[in-house]
């Protein structure tokens, strides 16, 4: 039985801006500097928010923190089912994987089915850091091996959430004005990682529209 994932949600958020770059940038500490770290968002934003382009991706906000819900797609071949006494399919339901039947779809010679997956990305005992700017604006700093990579969360009205990932153009490096930086030499992937250590004033001077210009829209259920 083989596994497939529709959504590499967590690490894609961290790495999207790095895929076609020879340099990657991370922050030494959660940003913005000298700001309030919280466990979750204001309670008027509690609830589920569904990605506009993919209903299998949901963000949940509650008193315990932030959770990302996805659907982990897996596959099992018709041949495996025929040759094994463990599995069977009746009326588009797969038996034998768990204690309960799972809805499945036949495509070609394979049956596809999904397992719900939940990952907590903010809250107690989570290494990521959520920073609150105001009641509607937050930076979710994802912990990496060397530092943090932030995403911006912006709530608009009562039912919209915009998530903006960190993006940059190396030829127009927005980070040149940050004086304190540390370079980590590339390993097998060929990427040079630069750790940014901005002061509060240096952070405030950065053009946030350039760094967080592209957004994903999620709507409240």
N, C-alpha and C. Protein backbone atom coordinates (compact mmCIF):
# COMPACT_ATOMS: atom_id res chain seq x y z
N UNK A 1 0.85 -1.18 0.00
CA UNK A 1 0.00 0.00 0.00
C UNK A 1 0.89 1.24 0.00
N UNK A 2 0.68 2.14 -0.93
CA UNK A 2 1.50 3.33 -1.07
C UNK A 2 0.76 4.55 -0.54
N UNK A 3 1.53 5.57 -0.10
CA UNK A 3 0.96 6.77 0.46
C UNK A 3 1.21 7.96 -0.45
N UNK A 4 0.22 8.82 -0.58
CA UNK A 4 0.34 10.06 -1.32
C UNK A 4 -0.27 11.17 -0.48
N UNK A 5 0.29 12.36 -0.57
CA UNK A 5 -0.25 13.50 0.16
C UNK A 5 -0.63 14.60 -0.81
N UNK A 6 -1.88 15.03 -0.75
CA UNK A 6 -2.32 16.14 -1.58
C UNK A 6 -1.68 17.45 -1.14
N UNK A 7 -1.39 17.57 0.13
CA UNK A 7 -0.99 18.87 0.69
C UNK A 7 0.26 18.74 1.54
N UNK A 8 1.37 19.25 1.03
CA UNK A 8 2.55 19.34 1.88
C UNK A 8 2.48 20.68 2.56
N UNK A 9 1.39 20.86 3.33
CA UNK A 9 0.99 22.18 3.78
C UNK A 9 2.03 22.87 4.64
N UNK A 10 2.56 22.15 5.57
CA UNK A 10 3.39 22.82 6.56
C UNK A 10 4.72 23.26 5.97
N UNK A 11 5.45 22.29 5.38
CA UNK A 11 6.77 22.64 4.91
C UNK A 11 6.72 23.39 3.59
N UNK A 12 5.66 23.31 2.85
CA UNK A 12 5.54 24.15 1.67
C UNK A 12 5.39 25.61 2.07
N UNK A 13 4.66 25.85 3.16
CA UNK A 13 4.55 27.22 3.65
C UNK A 13 5.92 27.79 3.95
N UNK A 14 6.76 26.95 4.55
CA UNK A 14 8.09 27.41 4.92
C UNK A 14 8.98 27.58 3.71
N UNK A 15 8.84 26.69 2.72
CA UNK A 15 9.85 26.62 1.66
C UNK A 15 9.43 27.20 0.31
N UNK A 16 8.19 27.65 0.15
CA UNK A 16 7.71 28.09 -1.16
C UNK A 16 8.63 29.11 -1.80
N UNK A 17 9.07 30.09 -1.04
CA UNK A 17 9.86 31.18 -1.60
C UNK A 17 11.30 30.78 -1.89
N UNK A 18 11.70 29.54 -1.53
CA UNK A 18 13.08 29.15 -1.65
C UNK A 18 13.37 28.21 -2.83
N UNK A 19 12.33 27.73 -3.47
CA UNK A 19 12.49 26.63 -4.41
C UNK A 19 13.40 26.97 -5.59
N UNK A 20 13.30 28.19 -6.09
CA UNK A 20 14.06 28.57 -7.26
C UNK A 20 15.16 29.57 -6.90
N UNK A 21 15.63 29.52 -5.68
CA UNK A 21 16.61 30.49 -5.19
C UNK A 21 17.88 29.79 -4.79
N UNK A 22 19.03 30.48 -4.95
CA UNK A 22 20.29 29.96 -4.48
C UNK A 22 20.57 30.42 -3.05
N UNK A 23 19.74 31.29 -2.55
CA UNK A 23 19.88 31.78 -1.19
C UNK A 23 18.54 31.68 -0.47
N UNK A 24 18.60 31.25 0.78
CA UNK A 24 17.40 31.23 1.59
C UNK A 24 17.65 32.11 2.81
N UNK A 25 16.55 32.66 3.33
CA UNK A 25 16.66 33.59 4.45
C UNK A 25 15.75 33.14 5.58
N UNK A 26 16.28 33.20 6.78
CA UNK A 26 15.51 32.92 7.98
C UNK A 26 15.83 33.99 9.01
N UNK A 27 14.96 34.13 9.99
CA UNK A 27 15.17 35.10 11.04
C UNK A 27 15.64 34.39 12.30
N UNK A 28 16.59 35.03 12.98
CA UNK A 28 17.16 34.45 14.19
C UNK A 28 16.11 34.28 15.28
N UNK A 29 15.19 35.25 15.38
CA UNK A 29 14.15 35.24 16.39
C UNK A 29 12.79 35.48 15.71
N UNK A 30 11.69 35.16 16.39
CA UNK A 30 10.37 35.45 15.81
C UNK A 30 10.24 36.95 15.50
N UNK A 31 9.56 37.24 14.41
CA UNK A 31 9.34 38.64 14.01
C UNK A 31 7.84 38.95 14.04
N UNK A 32 7.53 40.24 14.22
CA UNK A 32 8.41 41.39 14.42
C UNK A 32 9.13 41.32 15.77
N UNK A 33 10.34 41.91 15.84
CA UNK A 33 11.09 41.90 17.11
C UNK A 33 10.35 42.71 18.18
N UNK A 34 10.59 42.35 19.42
CA UNK A 34 10.06 43.07 20.58
C UNK A 34 8.54 43.20 20.53
N UNK A 35 7.88 42.12 20.12
CA UNK A 35 6.42 42.12 20.01
C UNK A 35 5.81 41.05 20.91
N UNK A 36 4.50 41.13 21.08
CA UNK A 36 3.79 40.23 21.97
C UNK A 36 3.63 38.84 21.36
N UNK A 37 4.11 37.83 22.09
CA UNK A 37 3.93 36.44 21.67
C UNK A 37 2.67 35.90 22.35
N UNK A 38 1.78 35.31 21.55
CA UNK A 38 0.52 34.77 22.06
C UNK A 38 0.39 33.31 21.65
N UNK A 39 -0.55 32.60 22.27
CA UNK A 39 -0.77 31.20 21.95
C UNK A 39 -1.78 31.01 20.82
N UNK A 40 -2.70 31.98 20.69
CA UNK A 40 -3.75 31.86 19.69
C UNK A 40 -4.25 33.26 19.32
N UNK A 41 -5.23 33.30 18.42
CA UNK A 41 -5.76 34.58 17.95
C UNK A 41 -6.91 35.02 18.85
N UNK A 42 -7.40 36.22 18.62
CA UNK A 42 -8.54 36.73 19.40
C UNK A 42 -9.75 35.82 19.21
N UNK A 43 -10.53 35.63 20.26
CA UNK A 43 -11.60 34.63 20.21
C UNK A 43 -12.71 34.95 19.21
N UNK A 44 -12.80 36.20 18.77
CA UNK A 44 -13.82 36.51 17.76
C UNK A 44 -13.46 35.91 16.40
N UNK A 45 -12.22 35.42 16.26
CA UNK A 45 -11.81 34.76 15.01
C UNK A 45 -11.82 33.24 15.13
N UNK A 46 -12.25 32.71 16.26
CA UNK A 46 -12.27 31.26 16.43
C UNK A 46 -13.19 30.60 15.40
N UNK A 47 -12.78 29.42 14.97
CA UNK A 47 -13.59 28.66 14.01
C UNK A 47 -12.72 28.01 12.96
N UNK A 48 -13.38 27.47 11.94
CA UNK A 48 -12.70 26.81 10.82
C UNK A 48 -12.70 27.73 9.60
N UNK A 49 -11.55 27.76 8.91
CA UNK A 49 -11.41 28.53 7.67
C UNK A 49 -10.93 27.58 6.59
N UNK A 50 -11.65 27.57 5.47
CA UNK A 50 -11.39 26.62 4.39
C UNK A 50 -10.67 27.33 3.24
N UNK A 51 -9.63 26.70 2.72
CA UNK A 51 -8.87 27.25 1.61
C UNK A 51 -9.78 27.38 0.39
N UNK A 52 -9.73 28.54 -0.25
CA UNK A 52 -10.63 28.81 -1.37
C UNK A 52 -10.39 27.86 -2.54
N UNK A 53 -9.14 27.46 -2.76
CA UNK A 53 -8.84 26.61 -3.90
C UNK A 53 -8.76 25.13 -3.59
N UNK A 54 -8.85 24.77 -2.31
CA UNK A 54 -8.72 23.36 -1.94
C UNK A 54 -9.48 23.11 -0.65
N UNK A 55 -10.63 22.52 -0.76
CA UNK A 55 -11.50 22.30 0.40
C UNK A 55 -10.91 21.29 1.38
N UNK A 56 -9.84 20.58 0.98
CA UNK A 56 -9.20 19.62 1.88
C UNK A 56 -8.24 20.28 2.86
N UNK A 57 -8.02 21.58 2.71
CA UNK A 57 -7.12 22.30 3.60
C UNK A 57 -7.93 23.27 4.46
N UNK A 58 -7.84 23.09 5.77
CA UNK A 58 -8.58 23.94 6.70
C UNK A 58 -7.67 24.41 7.84
N UNK A 59 -7.88 25.63 8.26
CA UNK A 59 -7.23 26.15 9.47
C UNK A 59 -8.28 26.24 10.56
N UNK A 60 -7.92 25.76 11.74
CA UNK A 60 -8.81 25.86 12.89
C UNK A 60 -8.16 26.74 13.96
N UNK A 61 -8.93 27.69 14.46
CA UNK A 61 -8.47 28.56 15.54
C UNK A 61 -9.37 28.35 16.75
N UNK A 62 -8.77 28.02 17.88
CA UNK A 62 -9.54 27.87 19.11
C UNK A 62 -8.69 28.30 20.30
N UNK A 63 -9.19 28.09 21.49
CA UNK A 63 -8.50 28.58 22.69
C UNK A 63 -7.16 27.88 22.92
N UNK A 64 -6.95 26.72 22.31
CA UNK A 64 -5.70 25.98 22.51
C UNK A 64 -4.62 26.36 21.51
N UNK A 65 -4.99 27.04 20.41
CA UNK A 65 -4.00 27.42 19.42
C UNK A 65 -4.52 27.36 18.00
N UNK A 66 -3.61 27.09 17.07
CA UNK A 66 -3.93 27.02 15.64
C UNK A 66 -3.64 25.60 15.16
N UNK A 67 -4.56 25.04 14.38
CA UNK A 67 -4.44 23.69 13.87
C UNK A 67 -4.67 23.70 12.36
N UNK A 68 -3.90 22.90 11.64
CA UNK A 68 -4.09 22.74 10.20
C UNK A 68 -4.64 21.35 9.93
N UNK A 69 -5.77 21.30 9.25
CA UNK A 69 -6.43 20.04 8.91
C UNK A 69 -6.23 19.77 7.41
N UNK A 70 -5.77 18.59 7.09
CA UNK A 70 -5.63 18.19 5.69
C UNK A 70 -6.16 16.77 5.52
N UNK A 71 -6.21 16.35 4.28
CA UNK A 71 -6.62 14.99 3.97
C UNK A 71 -5.45 14.27 3.32
N UNK A 72 -4.94 13.26 4.00
CA UNK A 72 -3.81 12.48 3.50
C UNK A 72 -4.33 11.37 2.59
N UNK A 73 -4.04 11.50 1.30
CA UNK A 73 -4.55 10.55 0.30
C UNK A 73 -3.63 9.34 0.20
N UNK A 74 -4.22 8.15 0.26
CA UNK A 74 -3.47 6.92 0.11
C UNK A 74 -4.08 6.08 -0.99
N UNK A 75 -3.31 5.07 -1.41
CA UNK A 75 -3.74 4.23 -2.54
C UNK A 75 -3.46 2.76 -2.25
N UNK A 76 -4.34 1.92 -2.72
CA UNK A 76 -4.13 0.48 -2.66
C UNK A 76 -4.60 -0.11 -3.98
N UNK A 77 -3.84 -1.02 -4.54
CA UNK A 77 -4.15 -1.57 -5.86
C UNK A 77 -5.23 -2.64 -5.78
N UNK A 78 -5.92 -2.80 -6.91
CA UNK A 78 -6.94 -3.87 -6.99
C UNK A 78 -6.29 -5.23 -6.81
N UNK A 79 -5.05 -5.37 -7.31
CA UNK A 79 -4.34 -6.64 -7.19
C UNK A 79 -4.09 -6.99 -5.72
N UNK A 80 -3.69 -5.98 -4.94
CA UNK A 80 -3.45 -6.22 -3.52
C UNK A 80 -4.72 -6.68 -2.82
N UNK A 81 -5.85 -6.06 -3.17
CA UNK A 81 -7.11 -6.44 -2.55
C UNK A 81 -7.52 -7.86 -2.94
N UNK A 82 -7.29 -8.20 -4.22
CA UNK A 82 -7.65 -9.55 -4.69
C UNK A 82 -6.82 -10.63 -3.99
N UNK A 83 -5.53 -10.33 -3.76
CA UNK A 83 -4.63 -11.35 -3.24
C UNK A 83 -4.55 -11.38 -1.72
N UNK A 84 -5.20 -10.42 -1.05
CA UNK A 84 -5.13 -10.36 0.41
C UNK A 84 -6.50 -10.62 1.02
N UNK A 85 -6.50 -11.39 2.08
CA UNK A 85 -7.75 -11.64 2.79
C UNK A 85 -8.09 -10.50 3.76
N UNK A 86 -7.15 -9.58 3.94
CA UNK A 86 -7.35 -8.48 4.88
C UNK A 86 -8.26 -7.40 4.33
N UNK A 87 -8.18 -7.16 3.00
CA UNK A 87 -8.89 -6.04 2.40
C UNK A 87 -10.05 -6.50 1.54
N UNK A 88 -11.07 -5.64 1.47
CA UNK A 88 -12.20 -5.86 0.55
C UNK A 88 -12.87 -4.52 0.28
N UNK A 89 -13.55 -4.43 -0.85
CA UNK A 89 -14.28 -3.22 -1.22
C UNK A 89 -15.73 -3.58 -1.49
N UNK A 90 -16.63 -2.90 -0.81
CA UNK A 90 -18.07 -3.11 -0.99
C UNK A 90 -18.74 -1.75 -1.11
N UNK A 91 -19.45 -1.52 -2.23
CA UNK A 91 -20.18 -0.26 -2.43
C UNK A 91 -19.29 0.96 -2.19
N UNK A 92 -18.11 0.96 -2.83
CA UNK A 92 -17.16 2.07 -2.74
C UNK A 92 -16.70 2.37 -1.31
N UNK A 93 -16.66 1.33 -0.49
CA UNK A 93 -16.10 1.45 0.85
C UNK A 93 -15.04 0.38 1.04
N UNK A 94 -13.88 0.82 1.56
CA UNK A 94 -12.74 -0.06 1.74
C UNK A 94 -12.72 -0.60 3.17
N UNK A 95 -12.67 -1.92 3.30
CA UNK A 95 -12.60 -2.58 4.60
C UNK A 95 -11.20 -3.15 4.81
N UNK A 96 -10.77 -3.15 6.08
CA UNK A 96 -9.50 -3.79 6.43
C UNK A 96 -8.36 -2.85 6.75
N UNK A 97 -8.50 -1.56 6.42
CA UNK A 97 -7.43 -0.60 6.72
C UNK A 97 -7.53 -0.13 8.16
N UNK A 98 -8.76 0.18 8.58
CA UNK A 98 -9.02 0.55 9.96
C UNK A 98 -10.19 -0.29 10.47
N UNK A 99 -10.61 -0.03 11.67
CA UNK A 99 -11.71 -0.80 12.24
C UNK A 99 -13.04 -0.47 11.58
N UNK A 100 -13.10 0.67 10.88
CA UNK A 100 -14.32 1.08 10.19
C UNK A 100 -14.06 1.19 8.69
N UNK A 101 -15.08 0.99 7.86
CA UNK A 101 -14.90 1.16 6.42
C UNK A 101 -14.60 2.60 6.05
N UNK A 102 -13.82 2.78 4.98
CA UNK A 102 -13.41 4.10 4.52
C UNK A 102 -13.92 4.31 3.10
N UNK A 103 -14.57 5.43 2.80
CA UNK A 103 -14.98 5.71 1.41
C UNK A 103 -13.77 5.72 0.48
N UNK A 104 -13.93 5.15 -0.70
CA UNK A 104 -12.82 5.09 -1.65
C UNK A 104 -13.33 5.31 -3.07
N UNK A 105 -12.40 5.61 -3.95
CA UNK A 105 -12.71 5.84 -5.36
C UNK A 105 -11.77 5.00 -6.21
N UNK A 106 -12.32 4.31 -7.21
CA UNK A 106 -11.51 3.50 -8.11
C UNK A 106 -11.10 4.34 -9.31
N UNK A 107 -9.79 4.42 -9.54
CA UNK A 107 -9.24 5.07 -10.73
C UNK A 107 -8.22 4.14 -11.35
N UNK A 108 -8.54 3.63 -12.53
CA UNK A 108 -7.66 2.65 -13.16
C UNK A 108 -7.61 1.38 -12.36
N UNK A 109 -6.42 1.00 -11.96
CA UNK A 109 -6.23 -0.23 -11.19
C UNK A 109 -6.01 0.03 -9.71
N UNK A 110 -6.30 1.25 -9.27
CA UNK A 110 -6.05 1.59 -7.88
C UNK A 110 -7.28 2.20 -7.21
N UNK A 111 -7.43 1.90 -5.93
CA UNK A 111 -8.44 2.54 -5.11
C UNK A 111 -7.75 3.64 -4.28
N UNK A 112 -8.37 4.82 -4.24
CA UNK A 112 -7.83 5.94 -3.49
C UNK A 112 -8.77 6.27 -2.33
N UNK A 113 -8.17 6.55 -1.17
CA UNK A 113 -8.96 6.89 0.00
C UNK A 113 -8.17 7.90 0.84
N UNK A 114 -8.84 8.57 1.78
CA UNK A 114 -8.18 9.63 2.52
C UNK A 114 -8.29 9.49 4.03
N UNK A 115 -7.20 9.87 4.71
CA UNK A 115 -7.18 9.93 6.17
C UNK A 115 -7.06 11.39 6.60
N UNK A 116 -7.96 11.85 7.47
CA UNK A 116 -7.81 13.21 8.00
C UNK A 116 -6.54 13.33 8.84
N UNK A 117 -5.83 14.43 8.67
CA UNK A 117 -4.60 14.69 9.41
C UNK A 117 -4.70 16.07 10.07
N UNK A 118 -4.32 16.16 11.33
CA UNK A 118 -4.36 17.43 12.06
C UNK A 118 -2.98 17.70 12.65
N UNK A 119 -2.47 18.91 12.40
CA UNK A 119 -1.18 19.32 12.95
C UNK A 119 -1.37 20.64 13.68
N UNK A 120 -0.92 20.69 14.92
CA UNK A 120 -0.98 21.93 15.69
C UNK A 120 0.25 22.77 15.37
N UNK A 121 0.04 24.03 14.97
CA UNK A 121 1.15 24.89 14.58
C UNK A 121 1.34 26.08 15.51
N UNK A 122 0.48 26.23 16.49
CA UNK A 122 0.64 27.28 17.49
C UNK A 122 -0.06 26.84 18.77
N UNK A 123 0.54 27.20 19.90
CA UNK A 123 -0.05 26.84 21.18
C UNK A 123 1.00 26.32 22.14
N UNK A 124 0.55 25.78 23.25
CA UNK A 124 1.44 25.25 24.27
C UNK A 124 2.25 24.07 23.72
N UNK A 125 3.54 24.04 24.05
CA UNK A 125 4.44 22.95 23.66
C UNK A 125 4.67 22.87 22.16
N UNK A 126 4.43 23.96 21.43
CA UNK A 126 4.72 24.03 20.01
C UNK A 126 5.88 25.00 19.82
N UNK A 127 6.87 24.63 19.00
CA UNK A 127 8.07 25.45 18.86
C UNK A 127 7.85 26.68 17.98
N UNK A 128 6.80 26.69 17.16
CA UNK A 128 6.48 27.88 16.38
C UNK A 128 6.04 29.00 17.32
N UNK A 129 6.13 30.24 16.84
CA UNK A 129 5.75 31.39 17.66
C UNK A 129 4.77 32.28 16.91
N UNK A 130 3.67 32.60 17.58
CA UNK A 130 2.64 33.47 17.02
C UNK A 130 2.77 34.85 17.66
N UNK A 131 2.93 35.87 16.82
CA UNK A 131 3.07 37.23 17.31
C UNK A 131 1.87 38.06 16.86
N UNK A 132 1.33 38.79 17.79
CA UNK A 132 0.13 39.59 17.55
C UNK A 132 0.51 41.05 17.30
N UNK A 133 0.06 41.58 16.15
CA UNK A 133 0.24 43.00 15.88
C UNK A 133 -0.96 43.80 16.35
N UNK A 134 -2.16 43.29 16.01
CA UNK A 134 -3.41 43.87 16.47
C UNK A 134 -4.46 42.77 16.46
N UNK A 135 -5.71 43.12 16.68
CA UNK A 135 -6.77 42.11 16.78
C UNK A 135 -6.95 41.30 15.50
N UNK A 136 -6.50 41.84 14.37
CA UNK A 136 -6.74 41.18 13.08
C UNK A 136 -5.48 40.76 12.35
N UNK A 137 -4.31 41.06 12.89
CA UNK A 137 -3.06 40.81 12.17
C UNK A 137 -2.06 40.06 13.05
N UNK A 138 -1.52 38.97 12.51
CA UNK A 138 -0.59 38.13 13.26
C UNK A 138 0.53 37.65 12.34
N UNK A 139 1.67 37.34 12.94
CA UNK A 139 2.75 36.67 12.23
C UNK A 139 2.97 35.31 12.88
N UNK A 140 2.82 34.26 12.08
CA UNK A 140 3.06 32.91 12.55
C UNK A 140 4.46 32.52 12.12
N UNK A 141 5.37 32.42 13.08
CA UNK A 141 6.77 32.12 12.81
C UNK A 141 7.01 30.62 12.93
N UNK A 142 7.29 29.98 11.80
CA UNK A 142 7.54 28.54 11.79
C UNK A 142 9.00 28.27 12.16
N UNK A 143 9.21 27.42 13.15
CA UNK A 143 10.58 27.09 13.59
C UNK A 143 11.24 26.18 12.58
N UNK A 144 12.49 26.51 12.22
CA UNK A 144 13.28 25.70 11.30
C UNK A 144 14.54 25.24 12.03
N UNK A 145 15.43 24.64 11.30
CA UNK A 145 16.67 24.15 11.91
C UNK A 145 17.52 25.28 12.46
N UNK A 146 17.51 26.43 11.75
CA UNK A 146 18.39 27.53 12.12
C UNK A 146 17.68 28.71 12.75
N UNK A 147 16.41 28.88 12.48
CA UNK A 147 15.71 30.07 12.97
C UNK A 147 14.22 29.97 12.78
N UNK A 148 13.63 31.04 12.19
CA UNK A 148 12.19 31.10 11.99
C UNK A 148 11.88 31.66 10.60
N UNK A 149 10.82 31.16 10.00
CA UNK A 149 10.30 31.69 8.75
C UNK A 149 8.86 32.13 8.98
N UNK A 150 8.55 33.42 8.82
CA UNK A 150 7.22 33.92 9.16
C UNK A 150 6.22 33.87 8.02
N UNK A 151 4.97 33.69 8.36
CA UNK A 151 3.83 33.91 7.46
C UNK A 151 2.91 34.93 8.13
N UNK A 152 2.27 35.73 7.34
CA UNK A 152 1.39 36.77 7.87
C UNK A 152 -0.05 36.32 7.78
N UNK A 153 -0.79 36.44 8.88
CA UNK A 153 -2.22 36.10 8.93
C UNK A 153 -3.01 37.39 9.10
N UNK A 154 -3.93 37.63 8.17
CA UNK A 154 -4.73 38.85 8.23
C UNK A 154 -6.20 38.48 8.15
N UNK A 155 -6.95 38.79 9.20
CA UNK A 155 -8.39 38.55 9.22
C UNK A 155 -9.10 39.80 8.71
N UNK A 156 -10.03 39.58 7.78
CA UNK A 156 -10.78 40.69 7.18
C UNK A 156 -12.27 40.41 7.39
N UNK A 157 -12.95 41.36 8.02
CA UNK A 157 -14.38 41.16 8.28
C UNK A 157 -14.60 40.00 9.22
N UNK A 158 -15.72 39.33 9.05
CA UNK A 158 -16.08 38.23 9.94
C UNK A 158 -15.78 36.85 9.38
N UNK A 159 -15.40 36.78 8.10
CA UNK A 159 -15.30 35.44 7.52
C UNK A 159 -14.15 35.23 6.54
N UNK A 160 -13.19 36.13 6.47
CA UNK A 160 -12.08 35.95 5.54
C UNK A 160 -10.74 35.98 6.26
N UNK A 161 -9.85 35.12 5.79
CA UNK A 161 -8.49 35.05 6.31
C UNK A 161 -7.53 35.02 5.13
N UNK A 162 -6.57 35.94 5.12
CA UNK A 162 -5.53 35.96 4.10
C UNK A 162 -4.21 35.51 4.74
N UNK A 163 -3.59 34.49 4.12
CA UNK A 163 -2.30 34.00 4.59
C UNK A 163 -1.24 34.36 3.56
N UNK A 164 -0.26 35.13 3.98
CA UNK A 164 0.80 35.60 3.09
C UNK A 164 2.12 34.97 3.50
N UNK A 165 2.74 34.26 2.57
CA UNK A 165 4.00 33.59 2.85
C UNK A 165 5.17 34.52 2.55
N UNK A 166 6.28 34.29 3.22
CA UNK A 166 7.48 35.08 2.99
C UNK A 166 8.01 34.82 1.58
N UNK A 167 8.19 35.91 0.81
CA UNK A 167 8.73 35.82 -0.54
C UNK A 167 9.74 36.93 -0.74
N UNK A 168 10.71 36.68 -1.60
CA UNK A 168 11.71 37.70 -1.85
C UNK A 168 12.40 37.44 -3.19
N UNK A 169 13.00 38.49 -3.73
CA UNK A 169 13.75 38.44 -4.97
C UNK A 169 15.21 38.70 -4.62
N UNK A 170 16.07 37.72 -4.90
CA UNK A 170 17.47 37.88 -4.52
C UNK A 170 18.16 39.02 -5.25
N UNK A 171 17.69 39.33 -6.47
CA UNK A 171 18.31 40.41 -7.22
C UNK A 171 17.93 41.78 -6.66
N UNK A 172 16.81 41.84 -5.97
CA UNK A 172 16.38 43.09 -5.33
C UNK A 172 16.26 42.82 -3.84
N UNK A 173 17.37 42.45 -3.26
CA UNK A 173 17.35 41.94 -1.89
C UNK A 173 16.87 42.97 -0.89
N UNK A 174 15.68 42.72 -0.34
CA UNK A 174 15.08 43.62 0.63
C UNK A 174 15.84 43.60 1.95
N UNK A 175 16.66 42.57 2.16
CA UNK A 175 17.29 42.39 3.46
C UNK A 175 18.66 43.05 3.59
N UNK A 176 19.11 43.75 2.57
CA UNK A 176 20.43 44.36 2.62
C UNK A 176 20.55 45.38 3.75
N UNK A 177 19.44 45.99 4.12
CA UNK A 177 19.48 47.02 5.15
C UNK A 177 19.61 46.45 6.57
N UNK A 178 19.49 45.12 6.70
CA UNK A 178 19.70 44.49 8.00
C UNK A 178 21.19 44.27 8.19
N UNK A 179 21.78 44.95 9.15
CA UNK A 179 23.23 44.94 9.31
C UNK A 179 23.76 43.62 9.83
N UNK A 180 23.09 43.04 10.81
CA UNK A 180 23.61 41.82 11.41
C UNK A 180 23.03 40.59 10.72
N UNK A 181 23.90 39.85 10.04
CA UNK A 181 23.50 38.65 9.32
C UNK A 181 24.56 37.57 9.51
N UNK A 182 24.13 36.33 9.46
CA UNK A 182 25.05 35.20 9.57
C UNK A 182 24.78 34.24 8.42
N UNK A 183 25.82 33.87 7.70
CA UNK A 183 25.67 32.95 6.57
C UNK A 183 26.05 31.54 6.98
N UNK A 184 25.25 30.60 6.52
CA UNK A 184 25.52 29.18 6.73
C UNK A 184 25.85 28.58 5.38
N UNK A 185 27.03 28.02 5.25
CA UNK A 185 27.49 27.52 3.96
C UNK A 185 26.59 26.40 3.44
N UNK A 186 26.45 26.34 2.11
CA UNK A 186 25.54 25.35 1.51
C UNK A 186 25.99 23.91 1.75
N UNK A 187 24.99 23.04 1.89
CA UNK A 187 25.26 21.62 2.01
C UNK A 187 24.99 20.97 0.66
N UNK A 188 24.44 19.80 0.64
CA UNK A 188 24.21 19.09 -0.61
C UNK A 188 23.18 19.76 -1.49
N UNK A 189 22.24 20.52 -0.90
CA UNK A 189 21.20 21.15 -1.70
C UNK A 189 21.69 22.39 -2.43
N UNK A 190 22.89 22.87 -2.13
CA UNK A 190 23.44 24.02 -2.82
C UNK A 190 22.91 25.36 -2.36
N UNK A 191 22.05 25.37 -1.35
CA UNK A 191 21.47 26.62 -0.86
C UNK A 191 22.35 27.22 0.23
N UNK A 192 22.56 28.54 0.13
CA UNK A 192 23.21 29.27 1.21
C UNK A 192 22.12 29.87 2.08
N UNK A 193 22.13 29.55 3.35
CA UNK A 193 21.14 30.07 4.28
C UNK A 193 21.71 31.26 5.02
N UNK A 194 20.97 32.37 4.98
CA UNK A 194 21.37 33.57 5.69
C UNK A 194 20.43 33.79 6.86
N UNK A 195 20.99 33.90 8.06
CA UNK A 195 20.20 34.16 9.25
C UNK A 195 20.18 35.67 9.48
N UNK A 196 18.99 36.23 9.49
CA UNK A 196 18.80 37.67 9.66
C UNK A 196 18.52 37.98 11.12
N UNK A 197 19.20 39.02 11.63
CA UNK A 197 19.02 39.42 13.02
C UNK A 197 18.66 40.91 13.04
N UNK A 198 17.41 41.24 12.68
CA UNK A 198 17.05 42.65 12.57
C UNK A 198 16.73 43.29 13.92
N UNK A 199 17.02 44.58 14.01
CA UNK A 199 16.52 45.34 15.14
C UNK A 199 15.06 45.71 14.86
N UNK A 200 14.40 46.24 15.85
CA UNK A 200 13.01 46.64 15.65
C UNK A 200 12.90 47.69 14.56
N UNK A 201 13.82 48.66 14.54
CA UNK A 201 13.79 49.72 13.51
C UNK A 201 14.07 49.16 12.12
N UNK A 202 15.00 48.22 12.03
CA UNK A 202 15.30 47.62 10.72
C UNK A 202 14.11 46.83 10.20
N UNK A 203 13.44 46.10 11.08
CA UNK A 203 12.23 45.38 10.67
C UNK A 203 11.16 46.34 10.17
N UNK A 204 10.95 47.43 10.87
CA UNK A 204 9.92 48.39 10.49
C UNK A 204 10.20 49.03 9.13
N UNK A 205 11.47 49.11 8.73
CA UNK A 205 11.82 49.72 7.45
C UNK A 205 11.64 48.77 6.27
N UNK A 206 11.52 47.48 6.54
CA UNK A 206 11.35 46.52 5.45
C UNK A 206 10.02 46.75 4.75
N UNK A 207 10.02 46.56 3.45
CA UNK A 207 8.80 46.71 2.66
C UNK A 207 7.97 45.43 2.78
N UNK A 208 6.99 45.45 3.65
CA UNK A 208 6.19 44.25 3.91
C UNK A 208 5.35 43.85 2.69
N UNK A 209 4.99 44.83 1.86
CA UNK A 209 4.19 44.50 0.68
C UNK A 209 4.99 43.66 -0.30
N UNK A 210 6.29 43.88 -0.35
CA UNK A 210 7.14 43.05 -1.20
C UNK A 210 7.37 41.67 -0.59
N UNK A 211 7.55 41.64 0.70
CA UNK A 211 7.87 40.37 1.37
C UNK A 211 6.66 39.48 1.57
N UNK A 212 5.48 40.09 1.73
CA UNK A 212 4.27 39.32 1.98
C UNK A 212 3.16 39.77 1.03
N UNK A 213 3.51 39.90 -0.24
CA UNK A 213 2.56 40.47 -1.21
C UNK A 213 1.54 39.48 -1.74
N UNK A 214 1.91 38.21 -1.83
CA UNK A 214 1.01 37.20 -2.40
C UNK A 214 0.27 36.48 -1.28
N UNK A 215 -1.05 36.38 -1.41
CA UNK A 215 -1.87 35.81 -0.33
C UNK A 215 -2.74 34.66 -0.80
N UNK A 216 -3.03 33.76 0.12
CA UNK A 216 -4.03 32.71 -0.08
C UNK A 216 -5.28 33.10 0.72
N UNK A 217 -6.42 32.89 0.13
CA UNK A 217 -7.68 33.25 0.79
C UNK A 217 -8.34 32.02 1.37
N UNK A 218 -8.73 32.13 2.64
CA UNK A 218 -9.52 31.10 3.30
C UNK A 218 -10.81 31.75 3.81
N UNK A 219 -11.89 31.02 3.74
CA UNK A 219 -13.18 31.55 4.17
C UNK A 219 -13.74 30.75 5.34
N UNK A 220 -14.34 31.47 6.24
CA UNK A 220 -14.88 30.85 7.46
C UNK A 220 -16.08 29.98 7.13
N UNK A 221 -16.12 28.83 7.76
CA UNK A 221 -17.25 27.93 7.57
C UNK A 221 -18.46 28.39 8.36
